[in-house]
């Protein structure tokens, strides 16, 4: 019989497999709209697609290098994130702006709602990344914060994927279920932490932020100040 400590080592030792699963979900979800249209996609979408994909690749490689004891390469490759993260943020903001500029081609209120989700996700992504870098010498905290960086971007992937399931026949239902899935994942991660007798901050912070974001995104389309702010953002040059 294995004890909790052994189980936890197996879980985090194989973290790269969970990131591979996240990558598969993302590729499968975006295959019809992006990966299957690579030759006809514009540069802005390619910029965003490439940077986001590189982040998933980085998340897969890093824990594998750590598990196999290649710490020197782990640190060297990790420095790529200093360039990649700003590019991810720029590309994501560019995609939000393109969506808002083409607001008329979307159903009513959807662009403002999606813009809120995108901004909130970007803020959380950057927060978790910075905390991961700050706690890079505390591997248990560092690893957990890096896990959190992938959860927000999984929401649009899950939302697209869930549309293919029977009974999930509208955007609102698919979006809310996507949030619930991420929240359930975080609860499971917290329960895993609890078995060790200690619950570190990362997943506690993450579930609070995701629940707040989940609640607010259902009302944001009614906020006049947000709609006006997004109209102003659409006019900015990025």
Protein backbone atom coordinates (compact mmCIF):
# COMPACT_ATOMS: atom_id res chain seq x y z
CA UNK A 1 0.00 0.00 0.00
CA UNK A 2 1.34 3.43 -0.91
CA UNK A 3 1.09 6.33 1.49
CA UNK A 4 -0.14 9.86 0.73
CA UNK A 5 3.37 11.16 0.30
CA UNK A 6 4.08 8.58 -2.40
CA UNK A 7 0.81 9.32 -4.17
CA UNK A 8 1.55 13.03 -4.20
CA UNK A 9 4.99 12.39 -5.68
CA UNK A 10 3.41 10.30 -8.43
CA UNK A 11 0.86 13.02 -9.17
CA UNK A 12 3.34 15.87 -9.44
CA UNK A 13 5.99 13.64 -10.95
CA UNK A 14 3.64 12.99 -13.85
CA UNK A 15 2.34 16.55 -14.12
CA UNK A 16 3.54 16.73 -17.72
CA UNK A 17 0.92 14.08 -18.60
CA UNK A 18 -1.85 16.33 -17.29
CA UNK A 19 -0.48 19.19 -19.38
CA UNK A 20 -0.45 16.90 -22.41
CA UNK A 21 -4.13 16.18 -21.70
CA UNK A 22 -4.79 19.94 -21.52
CA UNK A 23 -3.01 20.37 -24.87
CA UNK A 24 -5.05 17.57 -26.48
CA UNK A 25 -8.31 19.11 -25.22
CA UNK A 26 -7.26 22.52 -26.56
CA UNK A 27 -6.18 21.23 -29.97
CA UNK A 28 -9.33 19.13 -30.35
CA UNK A 29 -11.54 22.07 -29.30
CA UNK A 30 -9.89 24.56 -31.64
CA UNK A 31 -9.31 22.14 -34.52
CA UNK A 32 -12.38 23.18 -36.59
CA UNK A 33 -11.87 26.94 -36.15
CA UNK A 34 -8.06 27.17 -36.20
CA UNK A 35 -5.90 24.06 -36.69
CA UNK A 36 -7.97 22.88 -39.65
CA UNK A 37 -7.72 26.32 -41.31
CA UNK A 38 -4.04 27.15 -40.93
CA UNK A 39 -3.58 28.19 -44.58
CA UNK A 40 -6.56 30.56 -44.55
CA UNK A 41 -6.08 32.10 -41.10
CA UNK A 42 -4.89 35.69 -40.67
CA UNK A 43 -1.62 36.69 -38.99
CA UNK A 44 -3.29 37.88 -35.77
CA UNK A 45 -4.86 34.47 -35.17
CA UNK A 46 -1.57 32.76 -36.02
CA UNK A 47 0.28 35.00 -33.57
CA UNK A 48 -2.15 34.09 -30.80
CA UNK A 49 -2.31 30.42 -31.75
CA UNK A 50 1.47 30.02 -31.88
CA UNK A 51 2.15 31.79 -28.57
CA UNK A 52 -0.60 29.88 -26.76
CA UNK A 53 0.62 26.58 -28.20
CA UNK A 54 4.19 27.34 -27.18
CA UNK A 55 3.02 27.94 -23.62
CA UNK A 56 1.40 24.50 -23.52
CA UNK A 57 4.59 22.97 -24.94
CA UNK A 58 6.62 24.76 -22.27
CA UNK A 59 4.30 23.45 -19.53
CA UNK A 60 4.78 19.91 -20.83
CA UNK A 61 8.56 20.10 -21.16
CA UNK A 62 9.37 21.77 -17.83
CA UNK A 63 7.94 19.22 -15.38
CA UNK A 64 9.35 16.39 -17.53
CA UNK A 65 12.83 17.93 -17.32
CA UNK A 66 12.42 18.36 -13.57
CA UNK A 67 11.27 14.75 -13.14
CA UNK A 68 14.23 13.41 -15.13
CA UNK A 69 16.70 15.54 -13.16
CA UNK A 70 17.64 17.89 -15.98
CA UNK A 71 17.48 20.96 -13.75
CA UNK A 72 19.99 22.95 -15.80
CA UNK A 73 17.83 22.63 -18.91
CA UNK A 74 14.72 23.24 -16.82
CA UNK A 75 16.12 26.62 -15.71
CA UNK A 76 17.44 27.55 -19.17
CA UNK A 77 14.21 26.76 -21.01
CA UNK A 78 12.22 28.45 -18.24
CA UNK A 79 13.85 31.74 -19.17
CA UNK A 80 12.02 31.58 -22.51
CA UNK A 81 8.89 32.46 -20.56
CA UNK A 82 10.28 35.96 -19.90
CA UNK A 83 9.76 36.65 -23.62
CA UNK A 84 6.85 34.31 -24.28
CA UNK A 85 4.49 35.61 -21.57
CA UNK A 86 4.50 39.24 -22.81
CA UNK A 87 3.89 37.95 -26.35
CA UNK A 88 0.95 35.86 -25.11
CA UNK A 89 -0.58 38.90 -23.43
CA UNK A 90 -0.08 41.13 -26.48
CA UNK A 91 -1.55 38.51 -28.82
CA UNK A 92 -4.54 37.92 -26.53
CA UNK A 93 -5.28 41.65 -26.21
CA UNK A 94 -5.05 41.92 -29.98
CA UNK A 95 -7.63 39.14 -30.36
CA UNK A 96 -9.98 40.86 -27.90
CA UNK A 97 -9.69 44.09 -29.83
CA UNK A 98 -10.40 42.37 -33.15
CA UNK A 99 -13.50 40.78 -31.61
CA UNK A 100 -14.74 44.14 -30.30
CA UNK A 101 -14.11 45.87 -33.62
CA UNK A 102 -16.23 43.20 -35.31
CA UNK A 103 -18.86 43.34 -32.57
CA UNK A 104 -21.74 43.60 -35.05
CA UNK A 105 -21.07 40.10 -36.39
CA UNK A 106 -21.63 38.53 -32.96
CA UNK A 107 -24.89 37.87 -31.08
CA UNK A 108 -25.92 40.78 -28.79
CA UNK A 109 -23.84 41.25 -25.61
CA UNK A 110 -21.52 38.33 -26.37
CA UNK A 111 -18.39 40.36 -27.26
CA UNK A 112 -18.51 42.45 -24.06
CA UNK A 113 -19.00 39.30 -22.02
CA UNK A 114 -16.16 37.46 -23.76
CA UNK A 115 -13.93 40.52 -23.38
CA UNK A 116 -14.52 40.45 -19.63
CA UNK A 117 -13.63 36.76 -19.48
CA UNK A 118 -10.51 37.34 -21.58
CA UNK A 119 -9.30 40.27 -19.46
CA UNK A 120 -9.99 38.41 -16.22
CA UNK A 121 -8.20 35.32 -17.55
CA UNK A 122 -5.19 37.38 -18.64
CA UNK A 123 -4.93 39.06 -15.24
CA UNK A 124 -5.11 35.69 -13.49
CA UNK A 125 -2.63 34.13 -15.92
CA UNK A 126 -0.13 36.92 -15.31
CA UNK A 127 -0.69 36.80 -11.54
CA UNK A 128 -0.12 33.04 -11.36
CA UNK A 129 2.93 33.29 -13.61
CA UNK A 130 4.52 36.06 -11.54
CA UNK A 131 3.82 34.15 -8.32
CA UNK A 132 5.35 31.02 -9.87
CA UNK A 133 8.50 32.96 -10.74
CA UNK A 134 8.60 34.57 -7.31
CA UNK A 135 8.28 31.15 -5.67
CA UNK A 136 10.59 29.35 -8.11
CA UNK A 137 12.82 28.12 -5.27
CA UNK A 138 9.84 26.61 -3.44
CA UNK A 139 9.03 23.81 -5.86
CA UNK A 140 5.66 22.83 -4.35
CA UNK A 141 4.33 26.39 -4.63
CA UNK A 142 6.03 27.02 -7.97
CA UNK A 143 4.51 23.89 -9.51
CA UNK A 144 1.01 24.68 -8.26
CA UNK A 145 1.09 28.24 -9.59
CA UNK A 146 2.23 26.95 -12.98
CA UNK A 147 -0.70 24.51 -12.97
CA UNK A 148 -3.01 27.47 -12.38
CA UNK A 149 -1.74 29.25 -15.51
CA UNK A 150 -3.38 26.65 -17.75
CA UNK A 151 -6.81 26.57 -16.08
CA UNK A 152 -8.13 29.92 -17.35
CA UNK A 153 -7.19 29.32 -21.01
CA UNK A 154 -8.92 25.94 -20.80
CA UNK A 155 -12.32 27.63 -20.38
CA UNK A 156 -12.69 28.75 -24.03
CA UNK A 157 -11.45 25.32 -25.14
CA UNK A 158 -13.97 23.50 -22.94
CA UNK A 159 -16.76 25.85 -24.02
CA UNK A 160 -16.18 24.95 -27.67
CA UNK A 161 -15.78 21.27 -26.87
CA UNK A 162 -18.96 21.00 -24.80
CA UNK A 163 -21.07 22.21 -27.74
CA UNK A 164 -20.49 18.76 -29.26
CA UNK A 165 -22.19 17.01 -26.35
CA UNK A 166 -25.93 16.20 -26.44
CA UNK A 167 -28.05 18.50 -24.29
CA UNK A 168 -25.56 21.37 -24.28
CA UNK A 169 -27.25 23.42 -26.95
CA UNK A 170 -26.40 27.04 -26.18
CA UNK A 171 -23.41 29.24 -25.42
CA UNK A 172 -24.49 30.24 -21.91
CA UNK A 173 -24.93 26.64 -20.79
CA UNK A 174 -21.62 25.54 -22.30
CA UNK A 175 -19.73 28.47 -20.77
CA UNK A 176 -21.12 27.96 -17.26
CA UNK A 177 -20.43 24.21 -17.35
CA UNK A 178 -16.85 24.99 -18.42
CA UNK A 179 -16.37 27.12 -15.32
CA UNK A 180 -17.89 24.39 -13.15
CA UNK A 181 -15.45 21.83 -14.59
CA UNK A 182 -12.47 24.05 -13.73
CA UNK A 183 -13.87 24.67 -10.24
CA UNK A 184 -14.34 20.92 -9.71
CA UNK A 185 -10.74 20.32 -10.82
CA UNK A 186 -9.56 22.88 -8.28
CA UNK A 187 -11.66 21.27 -5.54
CA UNK A 188 -10.03 17.91 -6.33
CA UNK A 189 -6.59 19.52 -6.20
CA UNK A 190 -7.46 21.09 -2.85
CA UNK A 191 -8.65 17.73 -1.51
CA UNK A 192 -5.36 16.21 -2.66
CA UNK A 193 -3.52 18.93 -0.74
CA UNK A 194 -5.71 18.38 2.33
CA UNK A 195 -4.66 14.73 2.54
CA UNK A 196 -1.14 15.93 3.33
CA UNK A 197 -2.50 17.90 6.29
CA UNK A 198 -1.57 21.23 4.75
CA UNK A 199 -3.30 23.37 2.12
CA UNK A 200 -0.93 25.81 0.37
CA UNK A 201 -2.21 29.10 -1.04
CA UNK A 202 -2.17 28.54 -4.86
CA UNK A 203 -5.34 26.49 -5.36
CA UNK A 204 -7.21 28.39 -2.66
CA UNK A 205 -6.44 31.66 -4.44
CA UNK A 206 -7.30 30.12 -7.81
CA UNK A 207 -10.72 28.79 -6.82
CA UNK A 208 -11.69 32.12 -5.22
CA UNK A 209 -10.71 34.01 -8.39
CA UNK A 210 -12.50 31.57 -10.69
CA UNK A 211 -15.71 31.59 -8.64
CA UNK A 212 -15.74 35.41 -8.60
CA UNK A 213 -15.07 35.50 -12.34
CA UNK A 214 -17.76 32.87 -12.94
CA UNK A 215 -20.37 34.88 -11.05
CA UNK A 216 -19.50 38.26 -12.53
CA UNK A 217 -19.32 37.12 -16.16
CA UNK A 218 -23.05 36.38 -16.06
CA UNK A 219 -23.85 40.03 -15.31
CA UNK A 220 -21.12 41.98 -17.08
CA UNK A 221 -23.20 42.59 -20.22
CA UNK A 222 -25.49 44.78 -18.08
CA UNK A 223 -22.68 47.08 -16.92
CA UNK A 224 -22.79 50.28 -18.98
CA UNK A 225 -19.37 51.39 -17.73
CA UNK A 226 -17.82 48.14 -18.97
CA UNK A 227 -19.46 48.42 -22.38
CA UNK A 228 -18.15 51.97 -22.75
CA UNK A 229 -14.70 50.91 -21.58
CA UNK A 230 -14.63 48.16 -24.22
CA UNK A 231 -15.70 50.66 -26.89
CA UNK A 232 -12.71 52.79 -25.90
CA UNK A 233 -10.38 49.77 -25.87
CA UNK A 234 -11.48 48.82 -29.38
CA UNK A 235 -10.13 52.15 -30.64
CA UNK A 236 -6.68 51.76 -29.09
CA UNK A 237 -3.66 50.74 -31.15
CA UNK A 238 -1.90 47.63 -29.85
